[in-house]
Amino acid sequence: MIFLLFDGWIDGITASCVVGFGLITGILLIIKSKKKQVARLWQLGIVNILGGLMFLGVFFDFITVLRRGTNIDNSYGLVGLLSYVFYPPLTIFAMFLGGELLDLKKNLKITLISIQIALGVAFYIFIFSDPFGSFGFTEPIVSGDYLIDYNIELMSIAGLLMAGQLIPLVAILGIDVLIQSRKSSGVIKKKLRFLAIGVFCYGIFGILEGLTIPGGLLIFVRIGYISSFIFMYLGL
C-alpha cells in the first residue's frame, strides 16, 4: 500500500521529470551530434544527462516508495550519494565545453580542467568516507509518507569543495560568456546570451534546490533547473 502524501508526490514527480528530461534531451543531442558532426552537441548531451542524474537519489526513493510503500534504505547515506556522485563529472564536462566555446588557450583549459578533476576526487573522498557529515538528511517519521529530503552541508568540506567547482564554472561559462556577448552582434550575440542564461539557471536553481523544502515551490525550482538545459541547447 502506498502512503505517500501530497508533498511527496510533488517531490517524486518533479524529480522524475528532471531525470527523464536530462536523459532524453542528452541522448537526442548525442544522436544529433553524430548526424551533424558537431562535437559540442554531444558534449552538451553528456552535461544534460549528468544534470538529470543529479536527482537520481530522489527518483530511486520515489520508485522504492511506489513499489514497497517504504523509503529506500538510507543507512549509508545512499540517497545523497546516488545524486551527488554525478556532480564532479558534470562540472568537468561543463568546464571542457566552456573552454571549447570560449576558445581558451590550451594551457589555461588544461589547468582549469585539472583543478576540477582534483576537486572532484577530493569531493568523492569526503562524501563516501563521511556521507552524514557531508549531507543533511531529513527522513519522514513514518516511512513512505514523504521522500527523504537531503542537501549538501554547505559549510562541510564536501560543501566547500562543491562550491570550489561551481563558482569558477559559473564565472567562466556564465559571466565570461555574457561579457563576450556584449562584444558580439546578431545571431552570435543571441546564442551567447542563451548560453549564459542557461548556466545562471543551473547555478541559481541548483542552489535553491538545496534550500527549498518539499512542497509547491519545488515545482518552480525544478522547472527553472530544467530550463537551464533548454537555454544551453539554444546557445549552441
Protein backbone atom coordinates (compact mmCIF):
# COMPACT_ATOMS: atom_id res chain seq x y z
CA MET A 1 0.00 0.00 0.00
CA ILE A 2 1.33 3.46 -0.95
CA PHE A 3 1.21 6.00 1.89
CA LEU A 4 2.97 8.84 0.04
CA LEU A 5 1.40 12.21 0.86
CA PHE A 6 0.89 15.21 -1.43
CA ASP A 7 4.29 16.89 -0.94
CA GLY A 8 5.95 13.53 -1.50
CA TRP A 9 4.16 13.14 -4.83
CA ILE A 10 5.30 16.62 -5.91
CA ASP A 11 8.87 15.80 -4.90
CA GLY A 12 8.87 12.46 -6.71
CA ILE A 13 7.11 13.52 -9.89
CA THR A 14 9.21 16.66 -10.42
CA ALA A 15 12.43 14.73 -9.72
CA SER A 16 11.35 12.08 -12.23
CA CYS A 17 10.74 14.85 -14.79
CA VAL A 18 14.25 16.22 -14.26
CA VAL A 19 15.86 12.78 -14.62
CA GLY A 20 13.75 11.93 -17.66
CA PHE A 21 14.25 15.29 -19.35
CA GLY A 22 18.01 15.17 -18.80
CA LEU A 23 18.32 11.64 -20.20
CA ILE A 24 16.04 12.19 -23.21
CA THR A 25 17.49 15.54 -24.30
CA GLY A 26 21.01 14.30 -23.65
CA ILE A 27 20.55 11.22 -25.83
CA LEU A 28 18.88 13.29 -28.58
CA LEU A 29 21.81 15.74 -28.54
CA ILE A 30 24.32 12.90 -28.84
CA ILE A 31 22.39 11.43 -31.79
CA LYS A 32 22.16 14.87 -33.39
CA SER A 33 25.89 15.45 -32.91
CA LYS A 34 26.69 12.28 -34.87
CA LYS A 35 24.43 13.32 -37.72
CA LYS A 36 25.78 16.87 -37.90
CA GLN A 37 29.35 16.02 -36.81
CA VAL A 38 29.29 18.77 -34.17
CA ALA A 39 31.33 17.79 -31.10
CA ARG A 40 29.81 20.48 -28.90
CA LEU A 41 26.38 18.86 -29.17
CA TRP A 42 27.49 15.52 -27.73
CA GLN A 43 29.43 17.34 -25.01
CA LEU A 44 26.28 19.22 -24.05
CA GLY A 45 24.39 15.93 -24.29
CA ILE A 46 26.65 14.42 -21.62
CA VAL A 47 26.18 17.54 -19.47
CA ASN A 48 22.39 17.22 -19.78
CA ILE A 49 22.45 13.53 -18.85
CA LEU A 50 24.63 14.16 -15.80
CA GLY A 51 22.50 17.16 -14.82
CA GLY A 52 19.39 14.98 -14.90
CA LEU A 53 21.07 12.22 -12.89
CA MET A 54 21.78 14.72 -10.12
CA PHE A 55 18.22 13.86 -9.00
CA LEU A 56 18.69 10.10 -9.11
CA GLY A 57 18.55 9.76 -5.31
CA VAL A 58 15.09 11.33 -5.11
CA PHE A 59 13.96 9.30 -8.11
CA PHE A 60 15.04 5.96 -6.61
CA ASP A 61 13.46 6.82 -3.27
CA PHE A 62 10.23 7.67 -5.13
CA ILE A 63 10.26 4.38 -7.05
CA THR A 64 11.01 2.45 -3.85
CA VAL A 65 8.04 4.04 -2.06
CA LEU A 66 5.77 3.28 -5.03
CA ARG A 67 6.88 -0.35 -5.10
CA ARG A 68 7.22 -1.15 -1.40
CA GLY A 69 5.42 1.61 0.46
CA THR A 70 8.63 2.42 2.39
CA ASN A 71 11.62 4.66 1.77
CA ILE A 72 14.92 3.47 0.41
CA ASP A 73 17.43 2.18 2.97
CA ASN A 74 19.50 5.27 3.73
CA SER A 75 21.73 3.70 6.41
CA TYR A 76 24.85 4.68 4.47
CA GLY A 77 23.58 7.96 3.02
CA LEU A 78 22.70 6.23 -0.26
CA VAL A 79 20.07 8.80 -1.29
CA GLY A 80 22.61 11.62 -1.24
CA LEU A 81 25.40 9.58 -2.82
CA LEU A 82 23.22 8.43 -5.72
CA SER A 83 22.74 12.07 -6.74
CA TYR A 84 25.97 13.84 -5.91
CA VAL A 85 28.19 11.14 -7.40
CA PHE A 86 27.37 12.72 -10.77
CA TYR A 87 28.39 16.24 -9.74
CA PRO A 88 32.18 16.08 -10.37
CA PRO A 89 31.93 14.64 -13.92
CA LEU A 90 29.20 17.20 -14.66
CA THR A 91 31.48 20.11 -13.77
CA ILE A 92 34.44 18.57 -15.62
CA PHE A 93 32.47 18.10 -18.86
CA ALA A 94 30.90 21.55 -18.50
CA MET A 95 34.31 23.16 -17.98
CA PHE A 96 35.66 21.35 -21.04
CA LEU A 97 32.68 22.56 -23.08
CA GLY A 98 33.18 26.10 -21.78
CA GLY A 99 36.84 26.04 -22.77
CA GLU A 100 35.90 24.96 -26.27
CA LEU A 101 33.17 27.57 -26.66
CA LEU A 102 35.36 30.42 -25.45
CA ASP A 103 38.37 29.11 -27.37
CA LEU A 104 40.57 29.29 -24.27
CA LYS A 105 44.30 28.75 -24.64
CA LYS A 106 45.27 25.08 -24.33
CA ASN A 107 47.37 25.54 -21.18
CA LEU A 108 44.60 27.50 -19.43
CA LYS A 109 41.99 24.92 -20.42
CA ILE A 110 44.15 22.05 -19.14
CA THR A 111 44.75 23.91 -15.88
CA LEU A 112 41.05 24.62 -15.29
CA ILE A 113 40.02 21.05 -16.06
CA SER A 114 42.83 19.66 -13.89
CA ILE A 115 41.62 21.77 -10.96
CA GLN A 116 38.08 20.47 -11.49
CA ILE A 117 39.36 16.87 -11.51
CA ALA A 118 41.41 17.39 -8.34
CA LEU A 119 38.49 19.00 -6.51
CA GLY A 120 36.20 16.23 -7.79
CA VAL A 121 38.46 13.46 -6.44
CA ALA A 122 38.61 15.21 -3.05
CA PHE A 123 34.83 15.62 -3.13
CA TYR A 124 34.39 11.87 -3.69
CA ILE A 125 36.73 11.05 -0.82
CA PHE A 126 34.73 13.13 1.67
CA ILE A 127 31.19 12.19 0.59
CA PHE A 128 31.97 8.46 0.60
CA SER A 129 34.02 8.47 3.79
CA ASP A 130 31.59 10.69 5.72
CA PRO A 131 28.19 10.89 3.96
CA PHE A 132 26.31 12.02 7.09
CA GLY A 133 28.84 14.79 7.69
CA SER A 134 28.62 15.88 4.06
CA PHE A 135 24.83 15.75 3.64
CA GLY A 136 21.92 16.87 5.75
CA PHE A 137 19.12 14.30 5.69
CA THR A 138 15.51 14.75 6.79
CA GLU A 139 13.74 11.41 6.89
CA PRO A 140 9.97 11.03 7.33
CA ILE A 141 8.74 10.00 10.78
CA VAL A 142 6.56 7.36 9.13
CA SER A 143 8.43 5.61 6.31
CA GLY A 144 6.69 6.16 2.99
CA ASP A 145 4.78 9.32 3.99
CA TYR A 146 7.34 11.58 2.30
CA LEU A 147 10.57 11.15 0.37
CA ILE A 148 13.89 11.54 2.13
CA ASP A 149 14.98 15.17 1.85
CA TYR A 150 18.70 15.81 1.56
CA ASN A 151 21.16 18.52 0.61
CA ILE A 152 24.86 19.13 0.79
CA GLU A 153 26.07 20.73 4.01
CA LEU A 154 27.45 23.97 2.60
CA MET A 155 29.94 24.51 5.44
CA SER A 156 31.25 20.93 5.35
CA ILE A 157 34.46 20.17 3.47
CA ALA A 158 32.40 18.49 0.74
CA GLY A 159 30.20 21.60 0.52
CA LEU A 160 33.21 23.88 0.17
CA LEU A 161 34.70 21.61 -2.50
CA MET A 162 31.40 21.69 -4.36
CA ALA A 163 31.41 25.49 -4.25
CA GLY A 164 35.02 25.44 -5.45
CA GLN A 165 33.89 23.59 -8.55
CA LEU A 166 30.70 25.57 -9.16
CA ILE A 167 31.98 29.15 -8.74
CA PRO A 168 34.68 29.09 -11.48
CA LEU A 169 32.31 27.22 -13.76
CA VAL A 170 29.61 29.89 -13.42
CA ALA A 171 32.23 32.63 -13.72
CA ILE A 172 33.67 31.24 -16.94
CA LEU A 173 30.57 29.83 -18.60
CA GLY A 174 28.20 32.47 -17.28
CA ILE A 175 29.87 35.82 -16.65
CA ASP A 176 32.62 35.50 -19.28
CA VAL A 177 30.16 34.33 -21.95
CA LEU A 178 27.86 37.24 -21.05
CA ILE A 179 30.76 39.67 -21.45
CA GLN A 180 31.62 38.09 -24.80
CA SER A 181 28.00 38.52 -25.93
CA ARG A 182 28.28 42.29 -25.42
CA LYS A 183 31.14 42.35 -27.91
CA SER A 184 29.16 40.36 -30.47
CA SER A 185 26.11 41.04 -32.60
CA GLY A 186 23.29 39.27 -34.40
CA VAL A 187 22.81 35.52 -34.01
CA ILE A 188 26.09 35.02 -32.13
CA LYS A 189 25.11 37.61 -29.54
CA LYS A 190 21.73 35.91 -29.05
CA LYS A 191 23.27 32.43 -28.71
CA LEU A 192 25.88 33.56 -26.20
CA ARG A 193 23.18 35.18 -24.06
CA PHE A 194 21.10 31.99 -24.13
CA LEU A 195 24.15 30.03 -23.02
CA ALA A 196 24.87 32.45 -20.18
CA ILE A 197 21.23 32.34 -19.03
CA GLY A 198 21.37 28.54 -19.04
CA VAL A 199 24.45 28.49 -16.84
CA PHE A 200 22.96 31.01 -14.41
CA CYS A 201 19.72 28.98 -14.24
CA TYR A 202 21.69 25.85 -13.44
CA GLY A 203 23.65 27.58 -10.68
CA ILE A 204 20.75 29.55 -9.17
CA PHE A 205 18.13 26.82 -9.23
CA GLY A 206 20.67 24.19 -8.23
CA ILE A 207 21.40 26.20 -5.08
CA LEU A 208 17.69 26.86 -4.46
CA GLU A 209 17.09 23.11 -4.69
CA GLY A 210 19.19 22.65 -1.58
CA LEU A 211 17.32 25.42 0.27
CA THR A 212 13.75 24.53 -0.70
CA ILE A 213 11.70 22.12 1.40
CA PRO A 214 9.39 19.69 -0.44
CA GLY A 215 6.14 21.39 -1.47
CA GLY A 216 4.58 23.51 -4.19
CA LEU A 217 7.61 25.81 -4.50
CA LEU A 218 9.65 22.79 -5.58
CA ILE A 219 7.77 22.75 -8.90
CA PHE A 220 9.03 26.25 -9.72
CA VAL A 221 12.60 25.42 -8.69
CA ARG A 222 12.79 22.25 -10.75
CA ILE A 223 11.20 23.85 -13.82
CA GLY A 224 13.91 26.50 -13.51
CA TYR A 225 16.55 23.75 -13.30
CA ILE A 226 15.17 22.03 -16.41
CA SER A 227 15.13 25.38 -18.26
CA SER A 228 18.92 25.51 -17.91
CA PHE A 229 19.15 22.54 -20.32
CA ILE A 230 16.93 24.32 -22.83
CA PHE A 231 18.78 27.64 -22.72
CA MET A 232 22.18 25.97 -23.07
CA TYR A 233 20.90 23.99 -26.05
CA LEU A 234 19.65 27.22 -27.68
CA GLY A 235 23.08 28.71 -27.08
CA LEU A 236 24.82 26.16 -29.29
